[in-house]
Amino acid sequence: MNILKCTKCNAYTLKEKCPECDSKTFSPKPPKYSPLDQYGKYRLIYKKEQLL
């Protein structure tokens, strides 16, 4: 069982939907690091676009 975080109200819960605002929840943990990251190139491009 993992702790999940609400995308709207930033509340923590164990359920798939937030009990306060009925929004979808997600895992607040970052993805595992891998030197063979398949999507690292796309993540860097996205990051650069956000800074412009």
PDB file of N, CA and C in Angstrom:
ATOM      1  N   MET A   1       0.834  -1.171   0.000  1.00  0.00           N
ATOM      2  CA  MET A   1       0.000   0.000   0.000  1.00  0.00           C
ATOM      3  C   MET A   1       0.886   1.245   0.000  1.00  0.00           C
ATOM      4  N   ASN A   2       0.657   2.156  -0.930  1.00  0.00           N
ATOM      5  CA  ASN A   2       1.457   3.365  -1.046  1.00  0.00           C
ATOM      6  C   ASN A   2       0.642   4.600  -0.705  1.00  0.00           C
ATOM      7  N   ILE A   3       1.333   5.615  -0.237  1.00  0.00           N
ATOM      8  CA  ILE A   3       0.690   6.901   0.004  1.00  0.00           C
ATOM      9  C   ILE A   3       0.589   7.622  -1.329  1.00  0.00           C
ATOM     10  N   LEU A   4      -0.570   8.183  -1.613  1.00  0.00           N
ATOM     11  CA  LEU A   4      -0.805   8.904  -2.854  1.00  0.00           C
ATOM     12  C   LEU A   4      -1.116  10.358  -2.551  1.00  0.00           C
ATOM     13  N   LYS A   5      -0.866  11.229  -3.526  1.00  0.00           N
ATOM     14  CA  LYS A   5      -1.086  12.664  -3.343  1.00  0.00           C
ATOM     15  C   LYS A   5      -2.105  13.160  -4.360  1.00  0.00           C
ATOM     16  N   CYS A   6      -2.998  14.025  -3.918  1.00  0.00           N
ATOM     17  CA  CYS A   6      -4.031  14.594  -4.777  1.00  0.00           C
ATOM     18  C   CYS A   6      -3.419  15.664  -5.682  1.00  0.00           C
ATOM     19  N   THR A   7      -3.869  15.726  -6.930  1.00  0.00           N
ATOM     20  CA  THR A   7      -3.341  16.707  -7.870  1.00  0.00           C
ATOM     21  C   THR A   7      -3.935  18.093  -7.667  1.00  0.00           C
ATOM     22  N   LYS A   8      -5.133  18.185  -7.104  1.00  0.00           N
ATOM     23  CA  LYS A   8      -5.790  19.487  -6.928  1.00  0.00           C
ATOM     24  C   LYS A   8      -5.504  20.114  -5.567  1.00  0.00           C
ATOM     25  N   CYS A   9      -5.817  19.396  -4.495  1.00  0.00           N
ATOM     26  CA  CYS A   9      -5.734  19.996  -3.161  1.00  0.00           C
ATOM     27  C   CYS A   9      -4.460  19.617  -2.396  1.00  0.00           C
ATOM     28  N   ASN A  10      -3.574  18.833  -3.006  1.00  0.00           N
ATOM     29  CA  ASN A  10      -2.294  18.417  -2.406  1.00  0.00           C
ATOM     30  C   ASN A  10      -2.448  17.645  -1.103  1.00  0.00           C
ATOM     31  N   ALA A  11      -3.575  16.976  -0.925  1.00  0.00           N
ATOM     32  CA  ALA A  11      -3.793  16.147   0.258  1.00  0.00           C
ATOM     33  C   ALA A  11      -3.219  14.752   0.015  1.00  0.00           C
ATOM     34  N   TYR A  12      -2.791  14.087   1.077  1.00  0.00           N
ATOM     35  CA  TYR A  12      -2.262  12.738   0.988  1.00  0.00           C
ATOM     36  C   TYR A  12      -3.342  11.746   1.409  1.00  0.00           C
ATOM     37  N   THR A  13      -3.402  10.602   0.703  1.00  0.00           N
ATOM     38  CA  THR A  13      -4.403   9.588   0.993  1.00  0.00           C
ATOM     39  C   THR A  13      -3.889   8.230   0.525  1.00  0.00           C
ATOM     40  N   LEU A  14      -4.606   7.184   0.854  1.00  0.00           N
ATOM     41  CA  LEU A  14      -4.274   5.840   0.391  1.00  0.00           C
ATOM     42  C   LEU A  14      -5.194   5.395  -0.745  1.00  0.00           C
ATOM     43  N   LYS A  15      -6.153   6.228  -1.112  1.00  0.00           N
ATOM     44  CA  LYS A  15      -7.148   5.876  -2.113  1.00  0.00           C
ATOM     45  C   LYS A  15      -6.774   6.410  -3.493  1.00  0.00           C
ATOM     46  N   GLU A  16      -7.369   5.821  -4.539  1.00  0.00           N
ATOM     47  CA  GLU A  16      -7.121   6.243  -5.917  1.00  0.00           C
ATOM     48  C   GLU A  16      -7.744   7.604  -6.234  1.00  0.00           C
ATOM     49  N   LYS A  17      -8.821   7.946  -5.523  1.00  0.00           N
ATOM     50  CA  LYS A  17      -9.471   9.247  -5.678  1.00  0.00           C
ATOM     51  C   LYS A  17      -9.423   9.973  -4.341  1.00  0.00           C
ATOM     52  N   CYS A  18      -9.206  11.272  -4.396  1.00  0.00           N
ATOM     53  CA  CYS A  18      -9.123  12.083  -3.187  1.00  0.00           C
ATOM     54  C   CYS A  18     -10.484  12.127  -2.487  1.00  0.00           C
ATOM     55  N   PRO A  19     -10.527  11.854  -1.172  1.00  0.00           N
ATOM     56  CA  PRO A  19     -11.803  11.907  -0.451  1.00  0.00           C
ATOM     57  C   PRO A  19     -12.305  13.337  -0.246  1.00  0.00           C
ATOM     58  N   GLU A  20     -11.437  14.328  -0.367  1.00  0.00           N
ATOM     59  CA  GLU A  20     -11.840  15.723  -0.154  1.00  0.00           C
ATOM     60  C   GLU A  20     -12.421  16.368  -1.407  1.00  0.00           C
ATOM     61  N   CYS A  21     -11.738  16.190  -2.568  1.00  0.00           N
ATOM     62  CA  CYS A  21     -12.192  16.889  -3.777  1.00  0.00           C
ATOM     63  C   CYS A  21     -12.538  15.939  -4.923  1.00  0.00           C
ATOM     64  N   ASP A  22     -12.443  14.627  -4.708  1.00  0.00           N
ATOM     65  CA  ASP A  22     -12.801  13.601  -5.695  1.00  0.00           C
ATOM     66  C   ASP A  22     -11.942  13.679  -6.963  1.00  0.00           C
ATOM     67  N   SER A  23     -10.707  14.133  -6.817  1.00  0.00           N
ATOM     68  CA  SER A  23      -9.766  14.233  -7.926  1.00  0.00           C
ATOM     69  C   SER A  23      -8.865  13.004  -7.943  1.00  0.00           C
ATOM     70  N   LYS A  24      -8.186  12.762  -9.058  1.00  0.00           N
ATOM     71  CA  LYS A  24      -7.286  11.624  -9.186  1.00  0.00           C
ATOM     72  C   LYS A  24      -6.024  11.859  -8.373  1.00  0.00           C
ATOM     73  N   THR A  25      -5.477  10.798  -7.758  1.00  0.00           N
ATOM     74  CA  THR A  25      -4.254  10.893  -6.976  1.00  0.00           C
ATOM     75  C   THR A  25      -3.107  10.214  -7.713  1.00  0.00           C
ATOM     76  N   PHE A  26      -1.872  10.555  -7.327  1.00  0.00           N
ATOM     77  CA  PHE A  26      -0.691   9.959  -7.944  1.00  0.00           C
ATOM     78  C   PHE A  26       0.369   9.725  -6.881  1.00  0.00           C
ATOM     79  N   SER A  27       1.368   8.962  -7.210  1.00  0.00           N
ATOM     80  CA  SER A  27       2.458   8.690  -6.287  1.00  0.00           C
ATOM     81  C   SER A  27       3.421   9.874  -6.284  1.00  0.00           C
ATOM     82  N   PRO A  28       3.744  10.419  -5.113  1.00  0.00           N
ATOM     83  CA  PRO A  28       4.643  11.567  -5.059  1.00  0.00           C
ATOM     84  C   PRO A  28       6.118  11.193  -5.193  1.00  0.00           C
ATOM     85  N   LYS A  29       6.414   9.900  -5.261  1.00  0.00           N
ATOM     86  CA  LYS A  29       7.804   9.457  -5.369  1.00  0.00           C
ATOM     87  C   LYS A  29       8.331   9.708  -6.778  1.00  0.00           C
ATOM     88  N   PRO A  30       9.585  10.140  -6.912  1.00  0.00           N
ATOM     89  CA  PRO A  30      10.162  10.293  -8.241  1.00  0.00           C
ATOM     90  C   PRO A  30      10.456   8.922  -8.852  1.00  0.00           C
ATOM     91  N   PRO A  31      10.533   8.830 -10.176  1.00  0.00           N
ATOM     92  CA  PRO A  31      10.854   7.545 -10.801  1.00  0.00           C
ATOM     93  C   PRO A  31      12.274   7.115 -10.459  1.00  0.00           C
ATOM     94  N   LYS A  32      12.525   5.812 -10.505  1.00  0.00           N
ATOM     95  CA  LYS A  32      13.855   5.290 -10.222  1.00  0.00           C
ATOM     96  C   LYS A  32      14.843   5.782 -11.275  1.00  0.00           C
ATOM     97  N   TYR A  33      16.085   6.046 -10.861  1.00  0.00           N
ATOM     98  CA  TYR A  33      17.124   6.474 -11.791  1.00  0.00           C
ATOM     99  C   TYR A  33      17.684   5.261 -12.514  1.00  0.00           C
ATOM    100  N   SER A  34      17.904   5.423 -13.792  1.00  0.00           N
ATOM    101  CA  SER A  34      18.521   4.371 -14.588  1.00  0.00           C
ATOM    102  C   SER A  34      19.473   5.016 -15.587  1.00  0.00           C
ATOM    103  N   PRO A  35      20.714   4.543 -15.672  1.00  0.00           N
ATOM    104  CA  PRO A  35      21.628   5.101 -16.663  1.00  0.00           C
ATOM    105  C   PRO A  35      21.188   4.786 -18.100  1.00  0.00           C
ATOM    106  N   LEU A  36      20.335   3.795 -18.262  1.00  0.00           N
ATOM    107  CA  LEU A  36      19.819   3.430 -19.578  1.00  0.00           C
ATOM    108  C   LEU A  36      18.416   3.984 -19.780  1.00  0.00           C
ATOM    109  N   ASP A  37      18.186   5.204 -19.325  1.00  0.00           N
ATOM    110  CA  ASP A  37      16.876   5.844 -19.385  1.00  0.00           C
ATOM    111  C   ASP A  37      16.424   6.026 -20.835  1.00  0.00           C
ATOM    112  N   GLN A  38      15.339   5.376 -21.205  1.00  0.00           N
ATOM    113  CA  GLN A  38      14.826   5.439 -22.575  1.00  0.00           C
ATOM    114  C   GLN A  38      14.250   6.800 -22.911  1.00  0.00           C
ATOM    115  N   TYR A  39      13.696   7.479 -21.928  1.00  0.00           N
ATOM    116  CA  TYR A  39      12.973   8.720 -22.172  1.00  0.00           C
ATOM    117  C   TYR A  39      13.721   9.960 -21.674  1.00  0.00           C
ATOM    118  N   GLY A  40      14.980   9.810 -21.268  1.00  0.00           N
ATOM    119  CA  GLY A  40      15.765  10.925 -20.758  1.00  0.00           C
ATOM    120  C   GLY A  40      15.915  12.044 -21.774  1.00  0.00           C
ATOM    121  N   LYS A  41      16.100  11.673 -23.039  1.00  0.00           N
ATOM    122  CA  LYS A  41      16.258  12.666 -24.102  1.00  0.00           C
ATOM    123  C   LYS A  41      14.996  13.525 -24.218  1.00  0.00           C
ATOM    124  N   TYR A  42      13.844  12.908 -24.163  1.00  0.00           N
ATOM    125  CA  TYR A  42      12.578  13.624 -24.291  1.00  0.00           C
ATOM    126  C   TYR A  42      12.312  14.504 -23.068  1.00  0.00           C
ATOM    127  N   ARG A  43      12.716  14.007 -21.890  1.00  0.00           N
ATOM    128  CA  ARG A  43      12.538  14.770 -20.675  1.00  0.00           C
ATOM    129  C   ARG A  43      13.380  16.052 -20.708  1.00  0.00           C
ATOM    130  N   LEU A  44      14.617  15.948 -21.220  1.00  0.00           N
ATOM    131  CA  LEU A  44      15.478  17.122 -21.333  1.00  0.00           C
ATOM    132  C   LEU A  44      14.927  18.130 -22.333  1.00  0.00           C
ATOM    133  N   ILE A  45      14.408  17.650 -23.449  1.00  0.00           N
ATOM    134  CA  ILE A  45      13.810  18.545 -24.447  1.00  0.00           C
ATOM    135  C   ILE A  45      12.613  19.264 -23.849  1.00  0.00           C
ATOM    136  N   TYR A  46      11.784  18.558 -23.123  1.00  0.00           N
ATOM    137  CA  TYR A  46      10.611  19.151 -22.482  1.00  0.00           C
ATOM    138  C   TYR A  46      11.039  20.211 -21.472  1.00  0.00           C
ATOM    139  N   LYS A  47      12.066  19.902 -20.688  1.00  0.00           N
ATOM    140  CA  LYS A  47      12.558  20.827 -19.677  1.00  0.00           C
ATOM    141  C   LYS A  47      13.058  22.123 -20.317  1.00  0.00           C
ATOM    142  N   LYS A  48      13.807  21.987 -21.418  1.00  0.00           N
ATOM    143  CA  LYS A  48      14.333  23.157 -22.118  1.00  0.00           C
ATOM    144  C   LYS A  48      13.209  24.006 -22.701  1.00  0.00           C
ATOM    145  N   GLU A  49      12.164  23.376 -23.223  1.00  0.00           N
ATOM    146  CA  GLU A  49      11.029  24.104 -23.789  1.00  0.00           C
ATOM    147  C   GLU A  49      10.280  24.879 -22.696  1.00  0.00           C
ATOM    148  N   GLN A  50      10.215  24.318 -21.486  1.00  0.00           N
ATOM    149  CA  GLN A  50       9.511  24.975 -20.397  1.00  0.00           C
ATOM    150  C   GLN A  50      10.249  26.225 -19.922  1.00  0.00           C
ATOM    151  N   LEU A  51      11.572  26.255 -20.078  1.00  0.00           N
ATOM    152  CA  LEU A  51      12.356  27.403 -19.633  1.00  0.00           C
ATOM    153  C   LEU A  51      12.270  28.572 -20.608  1.00  0.00           C
ATOM    154  N   LEU A  52      11.899  28.326 -21.849  1.00  0.00           N
ATOM    155  CA  LEU A  52      11.824  29.403 -22.843  1.00  0.00           C
ATOM    156  C   LEU A  52      10.623  30.259 -22.696  1.00  0.00           C
TER     157      LEU A  52
END
